[in-house]
C-alpha cells in the first residue's frame, strides 16, 4: 500500500524524505482509519461538514475552511518552526541547548509523558461518539465534529513523535493507543476522567470547558520541554485547543442564558417543565467535571513530577514568565495534610520540597483559569436579575487521587462522614434522575439556524458565516 503522505497528510516534518518513518505510518494509517470508523462519531461518514483543516503552520495555512467528509479529513503533522538557539529553560539542564533527539537517560520518562498525553486524544472522541445523534443545532454539530477531528489530529501528533523517535517501543505504544478504549472494562484509557460517559450535550460543554482546559495546561507544561520536537508539537496543538475551550465556555454560557430567559419568562426557579435545565442541575454537572479534572493533575506530592521538571522534560505553566531560578533547588512550599480519620479528621499543613509539588502548582493555575470563566457565567446570570452564583467546589470534594482521596467533603470543603456522603451526594452530583431528565431534552435539531429549547443561539457563526448557515450537509 503506497500513500503519498505529502499529499494525504499535510506536514512540515519532511515525511516524504524519511522512508523508515513512511513505512511505519503506512502500517499505522489503516488501523487509525478503522478505529475512526468503529469508535469515532456515529453515522457521520457520509456527512459533509464545514471544518477547519490545518495545512501549514503559517497564519494563512493553519485554518483552512471547507466542506469535508470526516474520513477524508487531512490529519496533519505539524510542529511550530524551531526557535533559533533555543535553550532548556528549567531544571538541572537549564541553559543547555535543547535536545533534537531523545536523551538516552530520559527515554523511559519522556515516552511515558507522550503516551499519557496521546492517550487522552482518541479517548475524548470515543466518549463523544454518540452525541451527533442529539445535536441541539447544526452549528453545535459542526463544532462537535471540529473538536473530534482535531483530537484525532492531536493523536497523530503524538504518534508521529513515538514513531520518529522511539523505534519499536514507540510503534508498539502507538498501536496500543488504538486498542485501548474509553470505558472499556478490560482495556480502559489511562486516565479515569477519559473513561467517563459523555451522553448529553451539557456534559459535552462541561467536558470541553474543564477537561480540555486540563489539556491546555498539560500541553503548555510540555511546550516548555527541553525535548524540542515535543515542545514544538505542543505549541502548535495549543492553537487548536483554544477552540475546544471556546466551544465549552460559549456552550455553557448559552445554556445558562436560555435557563435565565425561561426563569424570567415563567417567573420560576425550576424551568424543567418549560424545556430548560435549571441552575442547580448545571451546578451539579460543574461539580462533577471540575472535581474529576483535579484528579488529572495527579498527586499533590509527586516524585515523578519532580523528576520530569529536574530532567527538563516538563515545565510549569508559562515557565519563562516566572520570577525564580527555574531550578527550585532547596525551595519549599506548604501543602495540605490530612490527619486523623472519621469524625476526627483535620486538614493541616506540611512543608515539602517545591520540586515535589509540581502537580499542585499546575493544578492551582488551572483552578485560577477555570474560575475566570465561572466569573463570566455569574456576571451573565446577574445581568438577568437572578440571585444565584455558580461555584467551583472545594479541592477536597469528590477526589479519587492525591491527599484527599481517603475522605469525603461537601462542595464547601467541610469534611463529613462516609455515611453522610452516601446520604447527601445526590445534592451535589448528578443522580440517575438528573441524567434521565437531561437526556430527555436531547432531541436533534437539524434545520439551519434553529436551536433546541434548552440552549440560546450563539452570538455569531463560524468563520464569518451566518448562524443559519448550513454547517453540515446530510446529502
Protein backbone atom coordinates (compact mmCIF):
# COMPACT_ATOMS: atom_id res chain seq x y z
CA UNK A 1 0.00 0.00 0.00
CA UNK A 2 1.65 3.24 -1.16
CA UNK A 3 0.49 6.51 0.32
CA UNK A 4 1.61 9.94 -0.84
CA UNK A 5 1.99 11.37 2.64
CA UNK A 6 2.93 14.84 1.46
CA UNK A 7 -0.49 15.00 -0.22
CA UNK A 8 -2.63 12.90 2.13
CA UNK A 9 -1.12 14.19 5.35
CA UNK A 10 -0.09 17.85 5.29
CA UNK A 11 3.08 18.21 7.31
CA UNK A 12 6.16 20.28 7.92
CA UNK A 13 8.39 17.41 9.10
CA UNK A 14 9.61 16.19 5.69
CA UNK A 15 7.70 12.92 5.84
CA UNK A 16 8.42 12.26 2.18
CA UNK A 17 12.16 12.11 2.80
CA UNK A 18 12.10 9.56 5.64
CA UNK A 19 11.47 6.09 4.22
CA UNK A 20 11.63 4.34 7.61
CA UNK A 21 9.02 6.68 9.05
CA UNK A 22 6.87 6.33 5.95
CA UNK A 23 6.82 2.55 6.28
CA UNK A 24 5.79 2.84 9.94
CA UNK A 25 2.99 5.28 9.14
CA UNK A 26 1.82 3.19 6.19
CA UNK A 27 1.18 0.42 8.68
CA UNK A 28 -0.48 2.68 11.25
CA UNK A 29 -2.73 4.72 8.92
CA UNK A 30 -5.21 1.92 8.03
CA UNK A 31 -5.54 0.95 11.69
CA UNK A 32 -6.30 4.58 12.54
CA UNK A 33 -8.99 4.81 9.85
CA UNK A 34 -10.53 1.56 11.11
CA UNK A 35 -10.53 2.97 14.63
CA UNK A 36 -12.19 6.18 13.43
CA UNK A 37 -14.92 4.29 11.62
CA UNK A 38 -15.56 1.96 14.56
CA UNK A 39 -15.07 4.32 17.50
CA UNK A 40 -15.45 7.81 16.03
CA UNK A 41 -18.64 9.84 15.54
CA UNK A 42 -21.57 7.54 14.74
CA UNK A 43 -23.43 7.80 11.42
CA UNK A 44 -21.14 10.57 10.20
CA UNK A 45 -19.05 9.06 7.40
CA UNK A 46 -21.29 10.37 4.60
CA UNK A 47 -21.83 13.85 6.04
CA UNK A 48 -20.10 16.89 4.61
CA UNK A 49 -19.02 19.16 7.43
CA UNK A 50 -17.76 22.75 7.28
CA UNK A 51 -14.44 22.13 9.00
CA UNK A 52 -11.21 23.94 9.71
CA UNK A 53 -8.22 21.97 8.44
CA UNK A 54 -4.61 22.80 9.20
CA UNK A 55 -2.48 22.66 6.05
CA UNK A 56 0.56 24.55 7.33
CA UNK A 57 1.75 26.41 10.43
CA UNK A 58 1.68 29.93 8.98
CA UNK A 59 -1.19 32.32 9.61
CA UNK A 60 -2.87 31.66 6.25
CA UNK A 61 -2.45 27.90 6.31
CA UNK A 62 -3.34 26.58 9.71
CA UNK A 63 -7.05 27.39 9.44
CA UNK A 64 -8.43 26.46 6.03
CA UNK A 65 -12.26 26.16 5.98
CA UNK A 66 -14.27 23.97 3.60
CA UNK A 67 -16.76 21.10 3.47
CA UNK A 68 -15.10 17.78 4.28
CA UNK A 69 -16.19 14.16 4.66
CA UNK A 70 -14.59 13.34 8.00
CA UNK A 71 -12.97 10.02 7.00
CA UNK A 72 -11.19 12.05 4.30
CA UNK A 73 -10.05 14.75 6.71
CA UNK A 74 -6.37 15.55 6.20
CA UNK A 75 -4.94 14.75 9.61
CA UNK A 76 -1.67 16.61 9.50
CA UNK A 77 1.56 16.54 11.48
CA UNK A 78 2.76 19.99 12.44
CA UNK A 79 5.48 21.35 14.67
CA UNK A 80 6.00 25.02 15.34
CA UNK A 81 9.08 26.26 13.49
CA UNK A 82 12.28 25.77 15.50
CA UNK A 83 13.39 28.67 17.66
CA UNK A 84 16.96 29.67 16.82
CA UNK A 85 19.45 28.95 19.62
CA UNK A 86 16.70 27.83 22.00
CA UNK A 87 17.98 26.54 25.34
CA UNK A 88 16.38 24.47 28.08
CA UNK A 89 14.57 26.87 30.39
CA UNK A 90 14.38 24.97 33.68
CA UNK A 91 15.71 22.09 35.74
CA UNK A 92 19.18 20.66 36.06
CA UNK A 93 19.95 21.30 32.37
CA UNK A 94 18.83 24.93 32.37
CA UNK A 95 20.78 26.96 29.83
CA UNK A 96 21.93 23.97 27.78
CA UNK A 97 20.88 23.63 24.12
CA UNK A 98 17.54 21.85 23.68
CA UNK A 99 17.59 18.23 22.55
CA UNK A 100 16.62 17.39 18.98
CA UNK A 101 16.96 13.66 19.71
CA UNK A 102 15.72 11.72 22.72
CA UNK A 103 18.26 11.92 25.57
CA UNK A 104 19.00 8.26 26.31
CA UNK A 105 18.98 8.62 30.08
CA UNK A 106 15.44 10.07 29.99
CA UNK A 107 13.96 7.86 27.28
CA UNK A 108 11.51 5.99 29.52
CA UNK A 109 10.19 9.11 31.26
CA UNK A 110 9.79 11.02 28.01
CA UNK A 111 7.94 8.17 26.33
CA UNK A 112 5.60 7.89 29.33
CA UNK A 113 4.73 11.60 29.10
CA UNK A 114 4.00 11.37 25.36
CA UNK A 115 1.90 8.21 25.70
CA UNK A 116 -0.17 9.61 28.58
CA UNK A 117 -0.90 12.81 26.68
CA UNK A 118 -1.54 10.96 23.44
CA UNK A 119 -3.96 8.53 25.07
CA UNK A 120 -6.33 11.34 26.01
CA UNK A 121 -6.85 12.43 22.40
CA UNK A 122 -8.69 9.39 20.96
CA UNK A 123 -10.36 8.86 24.34
CA UNK A 124 -12.36 12.06 24.05
CA UNK A 125 -13.51 11.13 20.54
CA UNK A 126 -14.74 7.80 21.88
CA UNK A 127 -16.52 9.45 24.80
CA UNK A 128 -18.35 11.83 22.47
CA UNK A 129 -19.14 9.42 19.63
CA UNK A 130 -22.93 9.25 20.23
CA UNK A 131 -23.51 13.00 20.60
CA UNK A 132 -24.07 13.62 16.89
CA UNK A 133 -27.46 11.91 17.18
CA UNK A 134 -28.79 14.63 19.53
CA UNK A 135 -27.09 17.89 18.50
CA UNK A 136 -29.10 20.98 19.51
CA UNK A 137 -28.27 22.73 16.21
CA UNK A 138 -26.22 22.36 13.05
CA UNK A 139 -23.83 24.96 14.47
CA UNK A 140 -23.21 22.74 17.51
CA UNK A 141 -22.99 19.57 15.44
CA UNK A 142 -20.27 21.17 13.35
CA UNK A 143 -18.39 22.25 16.49
CA UNK A 144 -18.55 18.72 17.88
CA UNK A 145 -17.08 17.31 14.70
CA UNK A 146 -14.40 20.02 14.62
CA UNK A 147 -13.32 19.06 18.12
CA UNK A 148 -13.36 15.39 17.13
CA UNK A 149 -11.14 15.72 14.06
CA UNK A 150 -8.70 17.95 15.90
CA UNK A 151 -8.43 15.48 18.75
CA UNK A 152 -7.70 12.91 16.05
CA UNK A 153 -5.00 15.19 14.64
CA UNK A 154 -3.51 15.59 18.12
CA UNK A 155 -3.27 11.81 18.30
CA UNK A 156 -1.38 11.89 15.00
CA UNK A 157 0.97 14.48 16.51
CA UNK A 158 1.86 12.25 19.46
CA UNK A 159 2.07 9.13 17.30
CA UNK A 160 4.49 10.91 14.98
CA UNK A 161 6.81 11.54 17.94
CA UNK A 162 6.59 7.90 19.02
CA UNK A 163 7.28 6.62 15.50
CA UNK A 164 10.01 9.11 14.70
CA UNK A 165 12.00 8.98 17.93
CA UNK A 166 11.28 5.77 19.87
CA UNK A 167 11.77 2.91 17.41
CA UNK A 168 9.94 -0.37 18.02
CA UNK A 169 8.79 0.66 21.51
CA UNK A 170 7.21 3.78 20.05
CA UNK A 171 5.44 1.85 17.29
CA UNK A 172 4.03 -0.58 19.84
CA UNK A 173 2.80 2.27 22.04
CA UNK A 174 1.15 3.90 19.01
CA UNK A 175 -0.66 0.65 18.21
CA UNK A 176 -1.89 0.31 21.78
CA UNK A 177 -3.45 3.78 21.69
CA UNK A 178 -5.94 2.38 19.18
CA UNK A 179 -6.51 -0.78 21.23
CA UNK A 180 -7.49 0.92 24.50
CA UNK A 181 -11.00 2.41 24.54
CA UNK A 182 -12.80 4.85 26.82
CA UNK A 183 -14.80 2.95 29.41
CA UNK A 184 -13.64 -0.49 28.25
CA UNK A 185 -13.60 -2.66 31.39
CA UNK A 186 -10.70 -4.73 30.05
CA UNK A 187 -8.61 -2.10 28.26
CA UNK A 188 -9.63 1.34 29.54
CA UNK A 189 -7.91 4.63 28.83
CA UNK A 190 -5.01 5.52 31.13
CA UNK A 191 -6.69 8.42 32.98
CA UNK A 192 -10.06 7.85 34.63
CA UNK A 193 -11.65 11.14 33.52
CA UNK A 194 -11.32 9.83 29.97
CA UNK A 195 -13.32 6.71 30.78
CA UNK A 196 -16.40 8.59 31.99
CA UNK A 197 -19.55 8.57 29.88
CA UNK A 198 -20.42 11.71 27.91
CA UNK A 199 -24.02 11.03 26.99
CA UNK A 200 -25.55 14.50 26.75
CA UNK A 201 -24.61 17.93 25.46
CA UNK A 202 -24.42 19.59 28.86
CA UNK A 203 -21.71 17.04 29.64
CA UNK A 204 -20.01 17.82 26.32
CA UNK A 205 -19.90 21.53 27.08
CA UNK A 206 -18.58 20.85 30.58
CA UNK A 207 -16.04 18.41 29.11
CA UNK A 208 -14.71 20.96 26.65
CA UNK A 209 -14.67 23.60 29.38
CA UNK A 210 -12.92 21.55 32.07
CA UNK A 211 -11.19 18.52 30.51
CA UNK A 212 -9.92 20.46 27.51
CA UNK A 213 -8.71 23.16 29.90
CA UNK A 214 -6.69 20.48 31.64
CA UNK A 215 -5.34 19.67 28.17
CA UNK A 216 -4.34 23.30 27.76
CA UNK A 217 -2.30 23.27 30.95
CA UNK A 218 -0.71 19.89 30.30
CA UNK A 219 0.23 20.93 26.76
CA UNK A 220 1.56 24.27 27.99
CA UNK A 221 3.80 22.48 30.50
CA UNK A 222 5.04 20.07 27.81
CA UNK A 223 5.56 23.01 25.42
CA UNK A 224 8.37 24.09 27.76
CA UNK A 225 10.14 20.73 27.30
CA UNK A 226 13.84 20.52 26.63
CA UNK A 227 13.00 17.85 24.02
CA UNK A 228 12.41 20.30 21.20
CA UNK A 229 10.18 18.15 18.91
CA UNK A 230 7.73 17.69 21.80
CA UNK A 231 7.78 21.38 22.70
CA UNK A 232 7.20 22.45 19.11
CA UNK A 233 4.41 19.89 18.65
CA UNK A 234 2.55 21.04 21.78
CA UNK A 235 2.86 24.70 20.88
CA UNK A 236 1.01 24.09 17.65
CA UNK A 237 -1.57 21.86 19.36
CA UNK A 238 -2.37 24.74 21.73
CA UNK A 239 -3.62 26.83 18.79
CA UNK A 240 -6.35 24.23 18.22
CA UNK A 241 -7.04 23.54 21.91
CA UNK A 242 -8.21 27.15 22.29
CA UNK A 243 -11.20 26.44 20.04
CA UNK A 244 -12.19 23.43 22.12
CA UNK A 245 -12.35 25.56 25.26
CA UNK A 246 -14.31 28.21 23.33
CA UNK A 247 -16.86 25.53 22.45
CA UNK A 248 -17.13 24.64 26.13
CA UNK A 249 -17.32 28.13 27.58
CA UNK A 250 -19.69 29.52 24.95
CA UNK A 251 -21.82 26.36 25.18
CA UNK A 252 -22.22 26.60 28.96
CA UNK A 253 -22.92 30.32 28.62
CA UNK A 254 -25.66 29.68 26.06
CA UNK A 255 -27.28 27.02 28.28
CA UNK A 256 -27.23 29.46 31.20
CA UNK A 257 -28.63 32.28 29.07
CA UNK A 258 -31.56 30.16 27.96
CA UNK A 259 -32.19 28.99 31.52
CA UNK A 260 -32.25 32.59 32.78
CA UNK A 261 -34.58 33.64 29.97
CA UNK A 262 -37.00 30.84 30.87
CA UNK A 263 -36.80 31.67 34.58
CA UNK A 264 -37.76 35.28 33.91
CA UNK A 265 -40.36 34.42 31.30
CA UNK A 266 -42.19 31.97 33.56
CA UNK A 267 -41.27 33.55 36.92
CA UNK A 268 -39.89 30.31 38.33
CA UNK A 269 -36.62 28.85 39.53
CA UNK A 270 -37.45 25.41 38.14
CA UNK A 271 -37.55 25.55 34.36
CA UNK A 272 -37.62 21.80 33.77
CA UNK A 273 -41.31 21.89 32.89
CA UNK A 274 -40.54 24.60 30.33
CA UNK A 275 -37.85 22.71 28.43
CA UNK A 276 -34.83 24.18 30.21
CA UNK A 277 -32.05 22.97 32.51
CA UNK A 278 -32.32 24.51 35.98
CA UNK A 279 -29.31 26.20 37.58
CA UNK A 280 -28.99 23.64 40.36
CA UNK A 281 -28.58 20.89 37.77
CA UNK A 282 -25.92 22.88 35.92
CA UNK A 283 -24.07 23.29 39.23
CA UNK A 284 -24.11 19.51 39.74
CA UNK A 285 -22.57 18.95 36.28
CA UNK A 286 -19.92 21.53 37.11
CA UNK A 287 -19.16 19.85 40.45
CA UNK A 288 -18.62 16.53 38.74
CA UNK A 289 -16.45 17.64 35.83
CA UNK A 290 -14.28 20.01 37.81
CA UNK A 291 -13.60 17.51 40.58
CA UNK A 292 -12.61 14.66 38.28
CA UNK A 293 -10.36 17.04 36.37
CA UNK A 294 -8.47 17.92 39.54
CA UNK A 295 -7.52 14.23 39.68
CA UNK A 296 -6.00 14.50 36.20
CA UNK A 297 -3.13 16.51 37.67
CA UNK A 298 -2.06 13.61 39.87
CA UNK A 299 -0.98 13.60 43.48
CA UNK A 300 -0.05 16.88 45.14
CA UNK A 301 3.25 15.34 46.22
CA UNK A 302 4.94 13.56 43.32
CA UNK A 303 8.48 12.31 42.84
CA UNK A 304 7.72 11.67 39.16
CA UNK A 305 6.66 15.29 38.63
CA UNK A 306 9.80 16.47 40.41
CA UNK A 307 11.93 14.27 38.16
CA UNK A 308 10.21 15.48 34.98
CA UNK A 309 10.99 19.06 35.99
CA UNK A 310 14.57 18.42 37.07
CA UNK A 311 15.23 16.42 33.89
CA UNK A 312 13.96 19.32 31.76
CA UNK A 313 11.11 17.29 30.26
CA UNK A 314 8.02 19.09 31.59
CA UNK A 315 7.98 22.62 32.94
CA UNK A 316 5.44 24.82 34.64
CA UNK A 317 2.70 26.92 33.06
CA UNK A 318 4.37 29.90 31.36
CA UNK A 319 7.73 28.86 32.81
CA UNK A 320 9.68 31.73 31.24
CA UNK A 321 7.42 34.32 32.91
CA UNK A 322 8.03 33.04 36.44
CA UNK A 323 10.33 35.05 38.65
CA UNK A 324 12.62 32.45 40.22
CA UNK A 325 15.75 30.49 39.33
CA UNK A 326 13.75 27.83 37.38
CA UNK A 327 15.58 25.10 39.29
CA UNK A 328 13.92 25.31 42.73
CA UNK A 329 16.78 23.52 44.49
CA UNK A 330 16.17 23.89 48.23
CA UNK A 331 12.85 25.72 47.73
CA UNK A 332 9.92 24.63 49.90
CA UNK A 333 6.14 25.07 49.81
CA UNK A 334 3.21 24.29 52.07
CA UNK A 335 0.63 21.72 51.02
CA UNK A 336 -2.48 20.36 52.79
CA UNK A 337 -2.11 17.34 55.05
CA UNK A 338 -4.94 15.10 56.23
CA UNK A 339 -4.63 13.93 59.82
CA UNK A 340 -6.90 11.56 61.72
CA UNK A 341 -9.89 9.78 60.27
CA UNK A 342 -13.64 9.69 60.57
CA UNK A 343 -15.10 12.40 62.83
CA UNK A 344 -11.57 13.29 63.98
CA UNK A 345 -10.29 14.21 60.51
CA UNK A 346 -8.42 17.52 60.29
CA UNK A 347 -6.76 19.34 57.42
CA UNK A 348 -3.38 20.66 58.48
CA UNK A 349 -0.35 21.94 56.59
CA UNK A 350 3.05 20.46 55.96
CA UNK A 351 6.15 21.78 54.24
CA UNK A 352 7.68 19.82 51.34
CA UNK A 353 10.24 20.43 48.61
CA UNK A 354 8.80 22.70 45.91
CA UNK A 355 10.06 20.28 43.27
CA UNK A 356 7.72 17.56 44.52
CA UNK A 357 4.71 19.92 44.36
CA UNK A 358 4.81 20.45 40.58
CA UNK A 359 1.40 18.83 40.07
CA UNK A 360 -0.18 21.06 42.71
CA UNK A 361 1.42 24.13 41.17
CA UNK A 362 -0.03 23.35 37.74
CA UNK A 363 -3.41 22.47 39.24
CA UNK A 364 -3.61 25.79 41.08
CA UNK A 365 -3.00 27.64 37.81
CA UNK A 366 -5.79 25.54 36.25
CA UNK A 367 -8.17 26.49 39.06
CA UNK A 368 -7.49 30.20 38.60
CA UNK A 369 -8.13 29.91 34.88
CA UNK A 370 -11.33 27.89 35.43
CA UNK A 371 -12.59 30.49 37.92
CA UNK A 372 -12.25 33.30 35.38
CA UNK A 373 -14.82 31.62 33.15
CA UNK A 374 -17.12 30.92 36.09
CA UNK A 375 -16.95 34.62 36.93
CA UNK A 376 -18.21 35.37 33.42
CA UNK A 377 -21.04 32.87 33.85
CA UNK A 378 -22.10 34.56 37.09
CA UNK A 379 -21.92 38.01 35.54
CA UNK A 380 -24.38 36.89 32.86
CA UNK A 381 -26.73 35.34 35.46
CA UNK A 382 -26.66 38.58 37.47
CA UNK A 383 -27.40 40.58 34.31
CA UNK A 384 -30.71 38.70 34.12
CA UNK A 385 -31.55 39.85 37.66
CA UNK A 386 -31.23 36.36 39.13
CA UNK A 387 -29.75 35.83 42.58
CA UNK A 388 -27.70 32.68 42.01
CA UNK A 389 -23.96 32.07 41.86
CA UNK A 390 -22.21 29.09 40.33
CA UNK A 391 -19.17 27.94 42.31
CA UNK A 392 -16.24 25.65 41.76
CA UNK A 393 -16.33 23.01 44.50
CA UNK A 394 -13.58 22.86 47.10
CA UNK A 395 -10.43 20.88 46.22
CA UNK A 396 -11.41 18.21 48.79
CA UNK A 397 -14.72 17.42 47.09
CA UNK A 398 -15.18 14.10 45.24
CA UNK A 399 -11.49 13.27 44.96
CA UNK A 400 -10.08 9.87 44.00
CA UNK A 401 -6.38 10.76 43.67
CA UNK A 402 -4.00 12.57 45.97
CA UNK A 403 -4.13 13.90 49.51
CA UNK A 404 -7.93 13.98 49.76
CA UNK A 405 -8.79 10.61 48.21
CA UNK A 406 -9.49 8.97 51.56
CA UNK A 407 -12.01 11.49 52.87
CA UNK A 408 -15.46 12.80 52.00
CA UNK A 409 -16.23 16.51 51.84
CA UNK A 410 -19.01 18.86 50.81
CA UNK A 411 -18.56 21.26 47.89
CA UNK A 412 -17.82 23.93 50.50
CA UNK A 413 -14.94 21.83 51.85
CA UNK A 414 -16.47 20.58 55.10
CA UNK A 415 -15.20 17.09 55.90
CA UNK A 416 -18.10 14.71 56.57
CA UNK A 417 -18.58 11.03 57.35
CA UNK A 418 -18.91 8.37 54.67
CA UNK A 419 -22.48 7.80 55.84
CA UNK A 420 -23.44 11.44 55.39
CA UNK A 421 -21.76 11.49 51.97
CA UNK A 422 -23.78 8.48 50.86
CA UNK A 423 -27.00 10.16 52.03
CA UNK A 424 -26.29 13.57 50.50
CA UNK A 425 -24.17 13.01 47.38
CA UNK A 426 -27.29 13.43 45.24
CA UNK A 427 -27.48 17.06 46.43
CA UNK A 428 -24.11 17.76 44.83
CA UNK A 429 -23.54 15.31 41.99
CA UNK A 430 -25.84 14.25 39.14
CA UNK A 431 -28.28 11.49 40.08
CA UNK A 432 -29.74 8.90 37.73
CA UNK A 433 -32.89 11.02 37.64
CA UNK A 434 -30.88 14.13 36.72
CA UNK A 435 -29.19 12.27 33.88
CA UNK A 436 -32.50 10.90 32.67
CA UNK A 437 -34.05 14.37 32.63
CA UNK A 438 -31.16 15.99 30.76
CA UNK A 439 -31.10 13.14 28.24
CA UNK A 440 -34.84 13.64 27.73
CA UNK A 441 -34.11 17.12 26.37
CA UNK A 442 -31.55 15.85 23.88
CA UNK A 443 -33.60 15.97 20.69
CA UNK A 444 -31.74 16.61 17.41
CA UNK A 445 -32.34 19.92 15.65
CA UNK A 446 -31.15 19.89 12.02
CA UNK A 447 -32.86 22.90 10.46
CA UNK A 448 -30.26 25.64 9.80
CA UNK A 449 -30.49 28.45 12.34
CA UNK A 450 -32.84 26.63 14.75
CA UNK A 451 -31.86 25.77 18.32
CA UNK A 452 -33.12 23.25 20.86
CA UNK A 453 -35.37 24.60 23.62
CA UNK A 454 -32.67 24.44 26.30
CA UNK A 455 -29.92 26.48 24.63
CA UNK A 456 -29.67 30.03 23.29
CA UNK A 457 -28.25 30.83 19.83
CA UNK A 458 -24.56 31.74 19.57
CA UNK A 459 -23.61 35.37 19.15
CA UNK A 460 -22.04 34.75 15.75
CA UNK A 461 -21.38 31.97 13.28
CA UNK A 462 -18.18 30.20 12.28
CA UNK A 463 -15.54 31.90 10.11
CA UNK A 464 -17.81 34.83 9.24
CA UNK A 465 -20.73 32.63 8.22
CA UNK A 466 -24.25 33.45 9.48
CA UNK A 467 -25.77 31.42 12.30
CA UNK A 468 -28.28 29.88 9.86
CA UNK A 469 -25.51 28.68 7.55
CA UNK A 470 -25.77 25.00 6.59
CA UNK A 471 -22.77 23.84 8.60
CA UNK A 472 -23.46 20.16 7.98
CA UNK A 473 -24.75 18.72 4.71
CA UNK A 474 -26.66 15.48 5.10
CA UNK A 475 -26.99 14.65 1.41
